[in-house]
């Protein structure tokens, strides 16, 4: 099984401003379309990091 990770950094203010939140939603939708799913998150200072993973079940 082969896995691939992607990490998105989300600035804290990005979650409360409607335009930036829509931008984040678009990024997550694109990642999902590429086969990525959210597997973890963590924060450092005022940033949130979203850990996405894609797994190729054929491996």
PDB file of N, CA and C in Angstrom:
ATOM      1  N   UNK A   1       0.843  -1.168   0.000  1.00  0.00           N
ATOM      2  CA  UNK A   1       0.000   0.000   0.000  1.00  0.00           C
ATOM      3  C   UNK A   1       0.895   1.241   0.000  1.00  0.00           C
ATOM      4  N   UNK A   2       0.648   2.158  -0.916  1.00  0.00           N
ATOM      5  CA  UNK A   2       1.427   3.381  -1.008  1.00  0.00           C
ATOM      6  C   UNK A   2       0.603   4.541  -0.461  1.00  0.00           C
ATOM      7  N   UNK A   3       1.212   5.378   0.342  1.00  0.00           N
ATOM      8  CA  UNK A   3       0.523   6.543   0.877  1.00  0.00           C
ATOM      9  C   UNK A   3       1.236   7.812   0.499  1.00  0.00           C
ATOM     10  N   UNK A   4       0.502   8.876   0.440  1.00  0.00           N
ATOM     11  CA  UNK A   4       1.050  10.185   0.141  1.00  0.00           C
ATOM     12  C   UNK A   4       0.362  11.181   1.071  1.00  0.00           C
ATOM     13  N   UNK A   5       1.139  12.103   1.622  1.00  0.00           N
ATOM     14  CA  UNK A   5       0.588  13.095   2.547  1.00  0.00           C
ATOM     15  C   UNK A   5       0.669  14.499   1.968  1.00  0.00           C
ATOM     16  N   UNK A   6      -0.226  15.319   2.415  1.00  0.00           N
ATOM     17  CA  UNK A   6      -0.229  16.747   2.091  1.00  0.00           C
ATOM     18  C   UNK A   6      -0.615  17.470   3.372  1.00  0.00           C
ATOM     19  N   UNK A   7       0.031  18.590   3.657  1.00  0.00           N
ATOM     20  CA  UNK A   7      -0.282  19.373   4.844  1.00  0.00           C
ATOM     21  C   UNK A   7      -0.706  20.765   4.401  1.00  0.00           C
ATOM     22  N   UNK A   8      -1.870  21.195   4.851  1.00  0.00           N
ATOM     23  CA  UNK A   8      -2.361  22.542   4.571  1.00  0.00           C
ATOM     24  C   UNK A   8      -2.212  23.382   5.831  1.00  0.00           C
ATOM     25  N   UNK A   9      -1.619  24.563   5.686  1.00  0.00           N
ATOM     26  CA  UNK A   9      -1.516  25.488   6.827  1.00  0.00           C
ATOM     27  C   UNK A   9      -2.668  26.466   6.729  1.00  0.00           C
ATOM     28  N   UNK A  10      -3.378  26.603   7.820  1.00  0.00           N
ATOM     29  CA  UNK A  10      -4.527  27.499   7.876  1.00  0.00           C
ATOM     30  C   UNK A  10      -4.240  28.550   8.931  1.00  0.00           C
ATOM     31  N   UNK A  11      -4.132  29.798   8.515  1.00  0.00           N
ATOM     32  CA  UNK A  11      -3.958  30.887   9.483  1.00  0.00           C
ATOM     33  C   UNK A  11      -5.258  31.042  10.244  1.00  0.00           C
ATOM     34  N   UNK A  12      -5.169  31.298  11.527  1.00  0.00           N
ATOM     35  CA  UNK A  12      -6.354  31.407  12.379  1.00  0.00           C
ATOM     36  C   UNK A  12      -7.424  32.342  11.848  1.00  0.00           C
ATOM     37  N   UNK A  13      -7.030  33.494  11.298  1.00  0.00           N
ATOM     38  CA  UNK A  13      -7.995  34.446  10.767  1.00  0.00           C
ATOM     39  C   UNK A  13      -8.709  33.939   9.535  1.00  0.00           C
ATOM     40  N   UNK A  14      -8.106  32.981   8.875  1.00  0.00           N
ATOM     41  CA  UNK A  14      -8.694  32.451   7.652  1.00  0.00           C
ATOM     42  C   UNK A  14     -10.013  31.731   7.929  1.00  0.00           C
ATOM     43  N   UNK A  15     -10.172  31.217   9.126  1.00  0.00           N
ATOM     44  CA  UNK A  15     -11.375  30.476   9.463  1.00  0.00           C
ATOM     45  C   UNK A  15     -12.554  31.371   9.794  1.00  0.00           C
ATOM     46  N   UNK A  16     -12.322  32.641  10.092  1.00  0.00           N
ATOM     47  CA  UNK A  16     -13.412  33.519  10.498  1.00  0.00           C
ATOM     48  C   UNK A  16     -13.789  34.536   9.427  1.00  0.00           C
ATOM     49  N   UNK A  17     -12.975  34.685   8.396  1.00  0.00           N
ATOM     50  CA  UNK A  17     -13.283  35.605   7.304  1.00  0.00           C
ATOM     51  C   UNK A  17     -13.926  34.797   6.182  1.00  0.00           C
ATOM     52  N   UNK A  18     -15.130  35.183   5.796  1.00  0.00           N
ATOM     53  CA  UNK A  18     -15.921  34.377   4.855  1.00  0.00           C
ATOM     54  C   UNK A  18     -15.178  34.076   3.558  1.00  0.00           C
ATOM     55  N   UNK A  19     -14.534  35.066   2.959  1.00  0.00           N
ATOM     56  CA  UNK A  19     -13.846  34.850   1.682  1.00  0.00           C
ATOM     57  C   UNK A  19     -12.705  33.855   1.842  1.00  0.00           C
ATOM     58  N   UNK A  20     -11.950  33.983   2.897  1.00  0.00           N
ATOM     59  CA  UNK A  20     -10.825  33.072   3.131  1.00  0.00           C
ATOM     60  C   UNK A  20     -11.322  31.673   3.468  1.00  0.00           C
ATOM     61  N   UNK A  21     -12.431  31.597   4.191  1.00  0.00           N
ATOM     62  CA  UNK A  21     -12.996  30.296   4.526  1.00  0.00           C
ATOM     63  C   UNK A  21     -13.440  29.575   3.252  1.00  0.00           C
ATOM     64  N   UNK A  22     -14.031  30.311   2.319  1.00  0.00           N
ATOM     65  CA  UNK A  22     -14.446  29.723   1.042  1.00  0.00           C
ATOM     66  C   UNK A  22     -13.233  29.239   0.252  1.00  0.00           C
ATOM     67  N   UNK A  23     -12.138  29.983   0.329  1.00  0.00           N
ATOM     68  CA  UNK A  23     -10.893  29.575  -0.323  1.00  0.00           C
ATOM     69  C   UNK A  23     -10.402  28.248   0.254  1.00  0.00           C
ATOM     70  N   UNK A  24     -10.440  28.126   1.573  1.00  0.00           N
ATOM     71  CA  UNK A  24     -10.029  26.885   2.228  1.00  0.00           C
ATOM     72  C   UNK A  24     -10.942  25.737   1.827  1.00  0.00           C
ATOM     73  N   UNK A  25     -12.237  25.979   1.800  1.00  0.00           N
ATOM     74  CA  UNK A  25     -13.179  24.935   1.395  1.00  0.00           C
ATOM     75  C   UNK A  25     -12.867  24.455  -0.019  1.00  0.00           C
ATOM     76  N   UNK A  26     -12.521  25.384  -0.908  1.00  0.00           N
ATOM     77  CA  UNK A  26     -12.152  25.014  -2.271  1.00  0.00           C
ATOM     78  C   UNK A  26     -10.906  24.146  -2.307  1.00  0.00           C
ATOM     79  N   UNK A  27      -9.903  24.502  -1.503  1.00  0.00           N
ATOM     80  CA  UNK A  27      -8.683  23.695  -1.427  1.00  0.00           C
ATOM     81  C   UNK A  27      -8.980  22.286  -0.933  1.00  0.00           C
ATOM     82  N   UNK A  28      -9.830  22.188   0.081  1.00  0.00           N
ATOM     83  CA  UNK A  28     -10.177  20.869   0.613  1.00  0.00           C
ATOM     84  C   UNK A  28     -10.974  20.059  -0.402  1.00  0.00           C
ATOM     85  N   UNK A  29     -11.866  20.709  -1.133  1.00  0.00           N
ATOM     86  CA  UNK A  29     -12.639  20.015  -2.171  1.00  0.00           C
ATOM     87  C   UNK A  29     -11.721  19.483  -3.270  1.00  0.00           C
ATOM     88  N   UNK A  30     -10.741  20.286  -3.679  1.00  0.00           N
ATOM     89  CA  UNK A  30      -9.791  19.843  -4.705  1.00  0.00           C
ATOM     90  C   UNK A  30      -8.962  18.660  -4.206  1.00  0.00           C
ATOM     91  N   UNK A  31      -8.521  18.734  -2.963  1.00  0.00           N
ATOM     92  CA  UNK A  31      -7.737  17.643  -2.397  1.00  0.00           C
ATOM     93  C   UNK A  31      -8.580  16.371  -2.333  1.00  0.00           C
ATOM     94  N   UNK A  32      -9.835  16.499  -1.938  1.00  0.00           N
ATOM     95  CA  UNK A  32     -10.719  15.336  -1.871  1.00  0.00           C
ATOM     96  C   UNK A  32     -10.893  14.716  -3.261  1.00  0.00           C
ATOM     97  N   UNK A  33     -11.041  15.579  -4.280  1.00  0.00           N
ATOM     98  CA  UNK A  33     -11.191  15.094  -5.652  1.00  0.00           C
ATOM     99  C   UNK A  33      -9.945  14.338  -6.118  1.00  0.00           C
ATOM    100  N   UNK A  34      -8.790  14.663  -5.540  1.00  0.00           N
ATOM    101  CA  UNK A  34      -7.535  13.979  -5.871  1.00  0.00           C
ATOM    102  C   UNK A  34      -7.328  12.731  -5.006  1.00  0.00           C
ATOM    103  N   UNK A  35      -8.299  12.422  -4.157  1.00  0.00           N
ATOM    104  CA  UNK A  35      -8.222  11.208  -3.351  1.00  0.00           C
ATOM    105  C   UNK A  35      -7.668  11.401  -1.955  1.00  0.00           C
ATOM    106  N   UNK A  36      -7.531  12.652  -1.502  1.00  0.00           N
ATOM    107  CA  UNK A  36      -7.010  12.913  -0.160  1.00  0.00           C
ATOM    108  C   UNK A  36      -8.154  13.007   0.847  1.00  0.00           C
ATOM    109  N   UNK A  37      -7.888  12.574   2.067  1.00  0.00           N
ATOM    110  CA  UNK A  37      -8.838  12.688   3.164  1.00  0.00           C
ATOM    111  C   UNK A  37      -8.107  13.252   4.376  1.00  0.00           C
ATOM    112  N   UNK A  38      -8.830  13.988   5.185  1.00  0.00           N
ATOM    113  CA  UNK A  38      -8.263  14.557   6.410  1.00  0.00           C
ATOM    114  C   UNK A  38      -8.016  13.436   7.409  1.00  0.00           C
ATOM    115  N   UNK A  39      -6.772  13.345   7.903  1.00  0.00           N
ATOM    116  CA  UNK A  39      -6.449  12.294   8.868  1.00  0.00           C
ATOM    117  C   UNK A  39      -5.994  12.831  10.216  1.00  0.00           C
ATOM    118  N   UNK A  40      -5.606  14.112  10.264  1.00  0.00           N
ATOM    119  CA  UNK A  40      -5.133  14.664  11.535  1.00  0.00           C
ATOM    120  C   UNK A  40      -5.086  16.178  11.423  1.00  0.00           C
ATOM    121  N   UNK A  41      -4.979  16.831  12.548  1.00  0.00           N
ATOM    122  CA  UNK A  41      -4.776  18.278  12.584  1.00  0.00           C
ATOM    123  C   UNK A  41      -4.002  18.617  13.850  1.00  0.00           C
ATOM    124  N   UNK A  42      -3.301  19.738  13.788  1.00  0.00           N
ATOM    125  CA  UNK A  42      -2.590  20.225  14.966  1.00  0.00           C
ATOM    126  C   UNK A  42      -2.433  21.730  14.818  1.00  0.00           C
ATOM    127  N   UNK A  43      -2.112  22.398  15.911  1.00  0.00           N
ATOM    128  CA  UNK A  43      -1.952  23.852  15.862  1.00  0.00           C
ATOM    129  C   UNK A  43      -0.600  24.252  16.430  1.00  0.00           C
ATOM    130  N   UNK A  44      -0.091  25.330  15.878  1.00  0.00           N
ATOM    131  CA  UNK A  44       1.139  25.954  16.354  1.00  0.00           C
ATOM    132  C   UNK A  44       0.878  27.456  16.304  1.00  0.00           C
ATOM    133  N   UNK A  45       0.951  28.086  17.458  1.00  0.00           N
ATOM    134  CA  UNK A  45       0.639  29.511  17.579  1.00  0.00           C
ATOM    135  C   UNK A  45      -0.762  29.764  17.040  1.00  0.00           C
ATOM    136  N   UNK A  46      -0.889  30.661  16.051  1.00  0.00           N
ATOM    137  CA  UNK A  46      -2.233  30.954  15.526  1.00  0.00           C
ATOM    138  C   UNK A  46      -2.483  30.257  14.192  1.00  0.00           C
ATOM    139  N   UNK A  47      -1.777  29.197  13.927  1.00  0.00           N
ATOM    140  CA  UNK A  47      -1.969  28.422  12.710  1.00  0.00           C
ATOM    141  C   UNK A  47      -2.497  27.030  13.033  1.00  0.00           C
ATOM    142  N   UNK A  48      -3.359  26.545  12.167  1.00  0.00           N
ATOM    143  CA  UNK A  48      -3.854  25.178  12.246  1.00  0.00           C
ATOM    144  C   UNK A  48      -3.300  24.460  11.028  1.00  0.00           C
ATOM    145  N   UNK A  49      -2.826  23.259  11.227  1.00  0.00           N
ATOM    146  CA  UNK A  49      -2.292  22.452  10.134  1.00  0.00           C
ATOM    147  C   UNK A  49      -3.213  21.248   9.946  1.00  0.00           C
ATOM    148  N   UNK A  50      -3.650  21.043   8.707  1.00  0.00           N
ATOM    149  CA  UNK A  50      -4.510  19.919   8.373  1.00  0.00           C
ATOM    150  C   UNK A  50      -3.665  18.898   7.627  1.00  0.00           C
ATOM    151  N   UNK A  51      -3.639  17.687   8.116  1.00  0.00           N
ATOM    152  CA  UNK A  51      -2.852  16.618   7.497  1.00  0.00           C
ATOM    153  C   UNK A  51      -3.800  15.768   6.655  1.00  0.00           C
ATOM    154  N   UNK A  52      -3.508  15.714   5.367  1.00  0.00           N
ATOM    155  CA  UNK A  52      -4.318  14.942   4.429  1.00  0.00           C
ATOM    156  C   UNK A  52      -3.502  13.755   3.954  1.00  0.00           C
ATOM    157  N   UNK A  53      -4.177  12.673   3.649  1.00  0.00           N
ATOM    158  CA  UNK A  53      -3.470  11.474   3.179  1.00  0.00           C
ATOM    159  C   UNK A  53      -4.234  10.843   2.029  1.00  0.00           C
ATOM    160  N   UNK A  54      -3.478  10.425   1.035  1.00  0.00           N
ATOM    161  CA  UNK A  54      -4.047   9.673  -0.085  1.00  0.00           C
ATOM    162  C   UNK A  54      -3.405   8.283  -0.053  1.00  0.00           C
ATOM    163  N   UNK A  55      -4.207   7.265  -0.181  1.00  0.00           N
ATOM    164  CA  UNK A  55      -3.705   5.901  -0.174  1.00  0.00           C
ATOM    165  C   UNK A  55      -4.137   5.236  -1.465  1.00  0.00           C
ATOM    166  N   UNK A  56      -3.192   4.559  -2.097  1.00  0.00           N
ATOM    167  CA  UNK A  56      -3.471   3.776  -3.283  1.00  0.00           C
ATOM    168  C   UNK A  56      -3.719   2.342  -2.840  1.00  0.00           C
ATOM    169  N   UNK A  57      -4.972   1.907  -2.789  1.00  0.00           N
ATOM    170  CA  UNK A  57      -5.266   0.570  -2.264  1.00  0.00           C
ATOM    171  C   UNK A  57      -4.780  -0.562  -3.170  1.00  0.00           C
ATOM    172  N   UNK A  58      -4.328  -0.258  -4.376  1.00  0.00           N
ATOM    173  CA  UNK A  58      -3.865  -1.290  -5.290  1.00  0.00           C
ATOM    174  C   UNK A  58      -2.458  -1.761  -4.979  1.00  0.00           C
ATOM    175  N   UNK A  59      -1.707  -0.998  -4.193  1.00  0.00           N
ATOM    176  CA  UNK A  59      -0.339  -1.384  -3.836  1.00  0.00           C
ATOM    177  C   UNK A  59      -0.316  -2.369  -2.704  1.00  0.00           C
TER     178      UNK A  59
END
